[in-house]
Amino acid sequence: MQWRLQARAEPSTFWQVGSVVLALLFTVVLGVIMFGALGKDPVQALLVFFWEPIKSSYALGELFVKATPLLLIALGLGICFKANVWNIGAEGQYVMGAIFASGVALQASPETSSWIVVLILLAGTLGGMLWAAIVAWLYDRFNANEILVSLMMVYVAIMVLSYLVYGPWKDPHGYNFPQSKSFEAVTHVPRLMSGSRLSIGTLIALVLAGLTWVFLNRTQAGFSLRVSGMAPMAARLSGMSAKANLYFALLCSGALAGLAGALEVSGPIGQLTPYVPSGYGFAAIIVVFVGRMNPLGIVLSSLLMSMFYIGGELAQSRLGLPKSLTGVFQGLLLFSLLTCDTLIMYRIEGPGIFKRKVPLGVGVSKS
């Protein structure tokens, strides 16, 4: 009997989690092979990727700093994907959130109340929502493909950012660098501890992860959203509004991406620069699928992706490896996961222990 894939009667619950673990192991193995091919010590390289980001309290703080925008963006994308709305443009919504937040932050002076931080975060949230609302309106009004529209709008957002930092918002005392002036101290998001960049943004993200889980699993609106994604026809026949779910999913996704952008410019960055688009919006897509579109799983997968970001930066500075290594690891994880996900819908059949026993009378005779 040859090896083959046999469709399961129902998806495997075990492999829902098991395929993620197996994909991570495959990624590590492929990484070892890659490091060896590049002439680097695989053990040292793996330590840089998986031990250095967690070996101290400061390192853990940096891990959560990187994970915060990934978590926020991924939560919004998870809501969209549950509703079968494929928002691929979270990067653009993240950038617009940073722009709107910066517009408020630039109005502050040293005498401004520290409560302006609330306005900055609200402005960022609104910016992301408005950018996502354009996608929703074009889909609703003209049936424009949300994948293409949201993706193209990423580049429009980046062009708007470039115009501002090279033009009207350029710091006149910034030695001709394309960036805004540094924000006043009162605009910075409060930090949780001294000596660390960890801010209340991480707490906000974790609280929102819990609220998202409650919304999707314990509310009627969340149930409607999931049904409209899994069975659109059944949802329409039940009186659920596909249009309302479309707008709700995209606006939530845009709001969370915009909030992530606001937290970045008013936190670790402290000004608006052309380097705000860091790929978080695209990496968050991988985070969603590794986390199985479950908000609690997304928390863990955002930490894993954050580890890849920090490990890639350390590998560049300490081992002389290229900056693109982070993207390579992200791609390896995604393709490994897609491969291993086959085990959710199919079982492997073949010689020995994998051979399925077919009862007599079901397509097999005694003779």
Protein backbone atom coordinates (compact mmCIF):
# COMPACT_ATOMS: atom_id res chain seq x y z
CA MET A 1 0.00 0.00 0.00
CA GLN A 2 1.35 3.40 -0.96
CA TRP A 3 1.40 6.46 1.27
CA ARG A 4 -1.60 8.71 0.73
CA LEU A 5 -3.77 11.34 2.40
CA GLN A 6 -7.25 10.31 3.47
CA ALA A 7 -9.84 12.98 4.25
CA ARG A 8 -11.03 12.96 7.86
CA ALA A 9 -14.72 12.76 8.68
CA GLU A 10 -14.24 15.87 10.82
CA PRO A 11 -11.23 18.14 11.52
CA SER A 12 -8.69 16.86 14.03
CA THR A 13 -8.83 18.70 17.36
CA PHE A 14 -5.40 17.42 18.33
CA TRP A 15 -3.70 18.76 15.21
CA GLN A 16 -5.28 22.20 15.63
CA VAL A 17 -2.54 22.77 18.20
CA GLY A 18 -0.17 19.97 17.22
CA SER A 19 0.42 21.35 13.71
CA VAL A 20 1.58 24.68 15.18
CA VAL A 21 4.15 22.91 17.38
CA LEU A 22 5.27 20.72 14.48
CA ALA A 23 5.56 23.79 12.22
CA LEU A 24 7.74 25.54 14.80
CA LEU A 25 10.01 22.48 15.01
CA PHE A 26 10.28 22.38 11.21
CA THR A 27 11.15 26.09 11.23
CA VAL A 28 13.94 25.48 13.74
CA VAL A 29 15.31 22.55 11.72
CA LEU A 30 15.25 24.58 8.50
CA GLY A 31 16.88 27.45 10.38
CA VAL A 32 19.72 25.17 11.53
CA ILE A 33 20.29 24.06 7.93
CA MET A 34 20.24 27.68 6.76
CA PHE A 35 22.71 28.83 9.44
CA GLY A 36 25.03 25.96 8.55
CA ALA A 37 24.87 26.89 4.86
CA LEU A 38 25.80 30.48 5.75
CA GLY A 39 28.84 29.27 7.68
CA LYS A 40 27.49 30.19 11.13
CA ASP A 41 27.37 28.09 14.28
CA PRO A 42 23.75 26.83 14.41
CA VAL A 43 23.74 26.51 18.21
CA GLN A 44 24.96 30.07 18.70
CA ALA A 45 22.46 31.34 16.13
CA LEU A 46 19.54 29.56 17.80
CA LEU A 47 20.59 30.97 21.18
CA VAL A 48 20.53 34.46 19.67
CA PHE A 49 17.03 33.87 18.30
CA PHE A 50 15.37 32.00 21.14
CA TRP A 51 17.35 32.68 24.34
CA GLU A 52 18.67 36.23 24.12
CA PRO A 53 15.16 37.79 23.88
CA ILE A 54 14.09 36.23 27.20
CA LYS A 55 17.28 35.95 29.27
CA SER A 56 16.71 39.05 31.44
CA SER A 57 13.92 41.29 32.70
CA TYR A 58 15.00 44.03 30.30
CA ALA A 59 14.99 41.57 27.38
CA LEU A 60 11.49 40.39 28.34
CA GLY A 61 10.34 44.01 28.43
CA GLU A 62 11.66 44.54 24.90
CA LEU A 63 9.92 41.33 23.83
CA PHE A 64 6.57 42.70 25.00
CA VAL A 65 7.30 46.11 23.45
CA LYS A 66 7.69 44.43 20.05
CA ALA A 67 4.74 42.12 20.64
CA THR A 68 2.26 44.90 21.54
CA PRO A 69 1.64 46.30 18.01
CA LEU A 70 1.64 42.78 16.56
CA LEU A 71 -0.96 41.69 19.11
CA LEU A 72 -3.24 44.67 18.54
CA ILE A 73 -3.13 44.42 14.75
CA ALA A 74 -3.58 40.63 14.83
CA LEU A 75 -6.64 40.88 17.09
CA GLY A 76 -8.33 43.14 14.54
CA LEU A 77 -7.36 40.90 11.65
CA GLY A 78 -8.68 37.90 13.56
CA ILE A 79 -12.10 39.56 13.79
CA CYS A 80 -12.00 40.27 10.04
CA PHE A 81 -10.95 36.77 9.08
CA LYS A 82 -13.63 35.26 11.32
CA ALA A 83 -16.16 37.26 9.31
CA ASN A 84 -14.54 36.09 6.05
CA VAL A 85 -13.39 39.65 5.31
CA TRP A 86 -9.80 39.57 4.08
CA ASN A 87 -8.21 42.78 5.23
CA ILE A 88 -4.61 42.64 3.99
CA GLY A 89 -4.00 46.36 4.45
CA ALA A 90 -3.56 46.61 8.21
CA GLU A 91 -0.11 48.09 7.59
CA GLY A 92 -1.74 51.12 5.96
CA GLN A 93 -4.23 51.49 8.80
CA TYR A 94 -1.32 51.26 11.26
CA VAL A 95 0.50 54.05 9.39
CA MET A 96 -2.58 56.28 9.29
CA GLY A 97 -3.07 55.74 13.01
CA ALA A 98 0.51 56.92 13.54
CA ILE A 99 -0.11 59.98 11.34
CA PHE A 100 -3.33 61.01 13.10
CA ALA A 101 -1.76 60.48 16.52
CA SER A 102 1.29 62.52 15.50
CA GLY A 103 -0.94 65.36 14.33
CA VAL A 104 -2.29 65.67 17.88
CA ALA A 105 1.08 65.13 19.56
CA LEU A 106 2.69 67.92 17.53
CA GLN A 107 0.20 70.42 19.00
CA ALA A 108 1.45 69.80 22.55
CA SER A 109 3.74 72.09 24.50
CA PRO A 110 5.61 71.51 27.78
CA GLU A 111 2.66 73.07 29.64
CA THR A 112 0.08 70.73 28.09
CA SER A 113 -1.69 68.31 30.43
CA SER A 114 -0.54 64.72 30.32
CA TRP A 115 -4.16 63.77 29.53
CA ILE A 116 -3.32 64.61 25.92
CA VAL A 117 -2.09 61.00 25.70
CA VAL A 118 -5.75 59.92 25.69
CA LEU A 119 -6.48 62.24 22.76
CA ILE A 120 -3.42 60.94 20.92
CA LEU A 121 -4.56 57.32 21.26
CA LEU A 122 -8.12 58.22 20.26
CA ALA A 123 -6.84 60.10 17.21
CA GLY A 124 -4.76 57.11 16.16
CA THR A 125 -7.74 54.80 16.59
CA LEU A 126 -9.89 57.13 14.49
CA GLY A 127 -7.24 57.33 11.76
CA GLY A 128 -7.11 53.57 11.39
CA MET A 129 -10.91 53.33 11.38
CA LEU A 130 -11.26 55.95 8.64
CA TRP A 131 -8.71 54.17 6.45
CA ALA A 132 -10.50 50.84 6.91
CA ALA A 133 -13.89 52.48 6.34
CA ILE A 134 -12.81 53.42 2.81
CA VAL A 135 -12.18 49.74 2.08
CA ALA A 136 -15.57 48.77 3.53
CA TRP A 137 -17.40 51.46 1.54
CA LEU A 138 -15.76 50.52 -1.77
CA TYR A 139 -16.58 46.86 -1.15
CA ASP A 140 -20.16 47.64 -0.20
CA ARG A 141 -20.83 50.23 -2.91
CA PHE A 142 -18.90 48.86 -5.89
CA ASN A 143 -18.13 45.27 -4.82
CA ALA A 144 -14.43 46.13 -5.04
CA ASN A 145 -12.20 43.29 -3.86
CA GLU A 146 -11.22 44.07 -0.28
CA ILE A 147 -7.90 42.23 -0.61
CA LEU A 148 -6.67 44.40 -3.49
CA VAL A 149 -8.16 47.65 -2.20
CA SER A 150 -6.79 47.30 1.33
CA LEU A 151 -3.38 46.28 0.00
CA MET A 152 -3.14 49.19 -2.45
CA MET A 153 -4.15 51.63 0.26
CA VAL A 154 -1.05 50.64 2.22
CA TYR A 155 1.07 52.38 -0.39
CA VAL A 156 -1.19 55.41 -0.42
CA ALA A 157 -0.76 55.71 3.36
CA ILE A 158 3.04 55.44 3.00
CA MET A 159 2.98 58.19 0.38
CA VAL A 160 0.98 60.43 2.71
CA LEU A 161 3.53 59.74 5.45
CA SER A 162 6.42 60.58 3.13
CA TYR A 163 4.77 63.83 2.06
CA LEU A 164 4.34 64.93 5.67
CA VAL A 165 7.83 64.07 6.96
CA TYR A 166 9.54 65.48 3.88
CA GLY A 167 7.23 68.50 3.77
CA PRO A 168 5.01 70.36 6.25
CA TRP A 169 5.87 68.29 9.34
CA LYS A 170 9.61 68.13 8.73
CA ASP A 171 11.64 69.28 11.72
CA PRO A 172 13.35 72.56 10.73
CA HIS A 173 16.06 71.84 13.30
CA GLY A 174 16.48 68.19 12.35
CA TYR A 175 19.60 68.59 10.17
CA ASN A 176 17.50 67.96 7.05
CA PHE A 177 16.46 64.45 8.16
CA PRO A 178 12.94 63.50 6.99
CA GLN A 179 11.23 63.36 10.37
CA SER A 180 8.99 65.41 12.60
CA LYS A 181 10.30 67.09 15.69
CA SER A 182 10.51 64.93 18.80
CA PHE A 183 7.25 64.92 20.75
CA GLU A 184 7.04 66.63 24.11
CA ALA A 185 7.49 64.42 27.18
CA VAL A 186 3.82 64.89 28.17
CA THR A 187 2.73 63.07 25.00
CA HIS A 188 4.63 59.89 25.81
CA VAL A 189 2.65 56.84 26.87
CA PRO A 190 3.32 56.16 30.60
CA ARG A 191 5.84 53.41 31.22
CA LEU A 192 5.25 50.56 33.64
CA MET A 193 8.71 50.60 35.21
CA SER A 194 11.85 52.67 35.15
CA GLY A 195 14.73 51.42 33.05
CA SER A 196 12.40 49.71 30.59
CA ARG A 197 10.45 50.81 27.51
CA LEU A 198 7.50 48.66 28.55
CA SER A 199 4.41 50.89 28.67
CA ILE A 200 0.73 50.71 29.50
CA GLY A 201 0.20 49.93 25.83
CA THR A 202 1.01 46.30 26.62
CA LEU A 203 -1.65 46.20 29.33
CA ILE A 204 -4.16 47.78 26.94
CA ALA A 205 -3.36 45.12 24.33
CA LEU A 206 -3.77 42.26 26.82
CA VAL A 207 -7.09 43.64 28.09
CA LEU A 208 -8.34 44.01 24.51
CA ALA A 209 -7.31 40.41 23.81
CA GLY A 210 -9.51 39.25 26.68
CA LEU A 211 -12.41 41.46 25.55
CA THR A 212 -12.08 40.17 21.98
CA TRP A 213 -12.31 36.57 23.21
CA VAL A 214 -15.43 37.41 25.21
CA PHE A 215 -16.97 39.21 22.23
CA LEU A 216 -16.35 36.37 19.77
CA ASN A 217 -17.35 33.53 22.07
CA ARG A 218 -19.87 34.93 24.53
CA THR A 219 -21.97 37.54 22.69
CA GLN A 220 -24.71 37.38 20.09
CA ALA A 221 -22.91 39.90 17.88
CA GLY A 222 -19.78 37.76 17.92
CA PHE A 223 -21.83 34.68 17.06
CA SER A 224 -23.42 36.55 14.15
CA LEU A 225 -19.99 37.59 12.92
CA ARG A 226 -18.68 34.02 12.98
CA VAL A 227 -21.77 32.60 11.29
CA SER A 228 -21.61 35.20 8.51
CA GLY A 229 -18.03 34.11 7.89
CA MET A 230 -18.61 30.34 7.98
CA ALA A 231 -22.02 30.19 6.28
CA PRO A 232 -23.01 33.47 4.57
CA MET A 233 -26.19 32.03 3.09
CA ALA A 234 -27.38 30.66 6.42
CA ALA A 235 -26.61 34.02 8.04
CA ARG A 236 -28.71 35.89 5.46
CA LEU A 237 -31.60 33.46 5.83
CA SER A 238 -31.44 33.98 9.61
CA GLY A 239 -31.76 37.74 9.19
CA MET A 240 -28.13 38.56 10.02
CA SER A 241 -26.84 41.62 8.22
CA ALA A 242 -23.79 40.87 6.06
CA LYS A 243 -23.33 44.61 5.47
CA ALA A 244 -23.28 45.39 9.19
CA ASN A 245 -20.78 42.60 9.84
CA LEU A 246 -18.57 43.86 6.99
CA TYR A 247 -18.40 47.39 8.38
CA PHE A 248 -18.04 46.21 11.96
CA ALA A 249 -15.17 43.83 11.18
CA LEU A 250 -13.21 46.32 9.09
CA LEU A 251 -13.76 49.22 11.49
CA CYS A 252 -12.64 47.10 14.46
CA SER A 253 -9.58 45.96 12.54
CA GLY A 254 -8.73 49.51 11.47
CA ALA A 255 -9.25 50.85 14.99
CA LEU A 256 -6.89 48.32 16.56
CA ALA A 257 -4.25 48.83 13.87
CA GLY A 258 -4.54 52.61 14.28
CA LEU A 259 -4.20 52.26 18.06
CA ALA A 260 -1.03 50.22 17.50
CA GLY A 261 0.37 53.01 15.34
CA ALA A 262 -0.49 55.63 17.95
CA LEU A 263 1.19 53.63 20.71
CA GLU A 264 4.35 53.29 18.61
CA VAL A 265 4.83 56.97 17.79
CA SER A 266 3.89 58.12 21.31
CA GLY A 267 5.94 55.35 22.90
CA PRO A 268 9.16 53.75 21.63
CA ILE A 269 9.62 56.07 18.61
CA GLY A 270 8.61 59.44 20.07
CA GLN A 271 8.26 61.17 16.68
CA LEU A 272 6.98 60.55 13.16
CA THR A 273 9.58 59.11 10.78
CA PRO A 274 9.56 57.37 7.37
CA TYR A 275 10.44 54.15 9.21
CA VAL A 276 7.07 53.82 10.94
CA PRO A 277 5.99 51.20 8.32
CA SER A 278 7.95 48.30 9.80
CA GLY A 279 5.96 45.40 8.36
CA TYR A 280 3.91 44.77 11.51
CA GLY A 281 0.67 44.81 9.50
CA PHE A 282 1.86 41.98 7.27
CA ALA A 283 3.60 39.98 10.01
CA ALA A 284 0.36 40.12 12.01
CA ILE A 285 -1.32 37.99 9.32
CA ILE A 286 1.07 35.16 10.21
CA VAL A 287 0.41 35.84 13.91
CA VAL A 288 -3.33 35.35 13.36
CA PHE A 289 -2.92 31.98 11.66
CA VAL A 290 -0.31 30.69 14.08
CA GLY A 291 -2.67 31.72 16.91
CA ARG A 292 -5.55 29.89 15.20
CA MET A 293 -7.64 33.10 15.10
CA ASN A 294 -8.15 32.65 18.83
CA PRO A 295 -7.38 35.83 20.81
CA LEU A 296 -5.59 33.88 23.53
CA GLY A 297 -3.55 31.96 20.97
CA ILE A 298 -2.76 35.25 19.22
CA VAL A 299 -1.17 36.53 22.45
CA LEU A 300 1.31 33.64 22.40
CA SER A 301 1.99 33.82 18.67
CA SER A 302 2.62 37.59 18.87
CA LEU A 303 5.32 36.88 21.46
CA LEU A 304 6.84 34.27 19.14
CA MET A 305 6.85 36.70 16.21
CA SER A 306 8.34 39.38 18.46
CA MET A 307 11.11 36.92 19.28
CA PHE A 308 11.80 36.55 15.56
CA TYR A 309 12.06 40.34 15.19
CA ILE A 310 14.46 40.76 18.09
CA GLY A 311 16.44 37.64 17.15
CA GLY A 312 16.82 38.93 13.61
CA GLU A 313 18.16 42.27 14.86
CA LEU A 314 20.61 40.54 17.21
CA ALA A 315 21.74 38.14 14.50
CA GLN A 316 22.45 41.10 12.25
CA SER A 317 24.58 42.92 14.83
CA ARG A 318 26.32 39.95 16.48
CA LEU A 319 26.63 37.37 13.73
CA GLY A 320 26.81 39.62 10.68
CA LEU A 321 23.74 38.05 9.12
CA PRO A 322 21.50 40.06 6.76
CA LYS A 323 18.54 42.10 8.01
CA SER A 324 16.20 40.07 5.82
CA LEU A 325 16.69 37.05 8.11
CA THR A 326 13.62 38.05 10.15
CA GLY A 327 11.44 37.88 7.06
CA VAL A 328 12.98 34.54 6.11
CA PHE A 329 12.06 33.06 9.49
CA GLN A 330 8.55 34.46 9.23
CA GLY A 331 8.17 32.90 5.79
CA LEU A 332 9.56 29.56 6.96
CA LEU A 333 7.08 29.51 9.84
CA LEU A 334 4.13 30.35 7.58
CA PHE A 335 4.94 27.75 4.93
CA SER A 336 5.70 25.12 7.58
CA LEU A 337 2.35 25.87 9.21
CA LEU A 338 0.45 25.64 5.92
CA THR A 339 2.11 22.29 5.24
CA CYS A 340 1.42 20.90 8.70
CA ASP A 341 -2.19 22.13 8.61
CA THR A 342 -2.86 19.38 6.11
CA LEU A 343 -2.98 17.03 9.12
CA ILE A 344 -6.06 18.86 10.42
CA MET A 345 -8.23 17.82 7.46
CA TYR A 346 -6.38 14.69 6.35
CA ARG A 347 -4.77 11.65 7.94
CA ILE A 348 -1.70 9.89 6.56
CA GLU A 349 -2.34 6.32 5.49
CA GLY A 350 0.27 3.81 4.46
CA PRO A 351 2.14 0.68 5.51
CA GLY A 352 2.47 -0.39 9.12
CA ILE A 353 0.88 1.62 11.90
CA PHE A 354 -0.55 4.19 9.50
CA LYS A 355 -2.63 1.60 7.66
CA ARG A 356 -6.32 2.05 8.35
CA LYS A 357 -8.34 -1.03 9.09
CA VAL A 358 -11.52 -1.22 7.02
CA PRO A 359 -14.38 -3.22 8.61
CA LEU A 360 -15.62 -6.24 6.72
CA GLY A 361 -18.71 -5.49 4.72
CA VAL A 362 -17.64 -1.91 3.95
CA GLY A 363 -16.25 -2.19 0.45
CA VAL A 364 -14.34 -5.45 1.29
CA SER A 365 -15.56 -9.05 1.01
CA LYS A 366 -14.47 -12.03 3.13
CA SER A 367 -13.07 -13.80 0.10
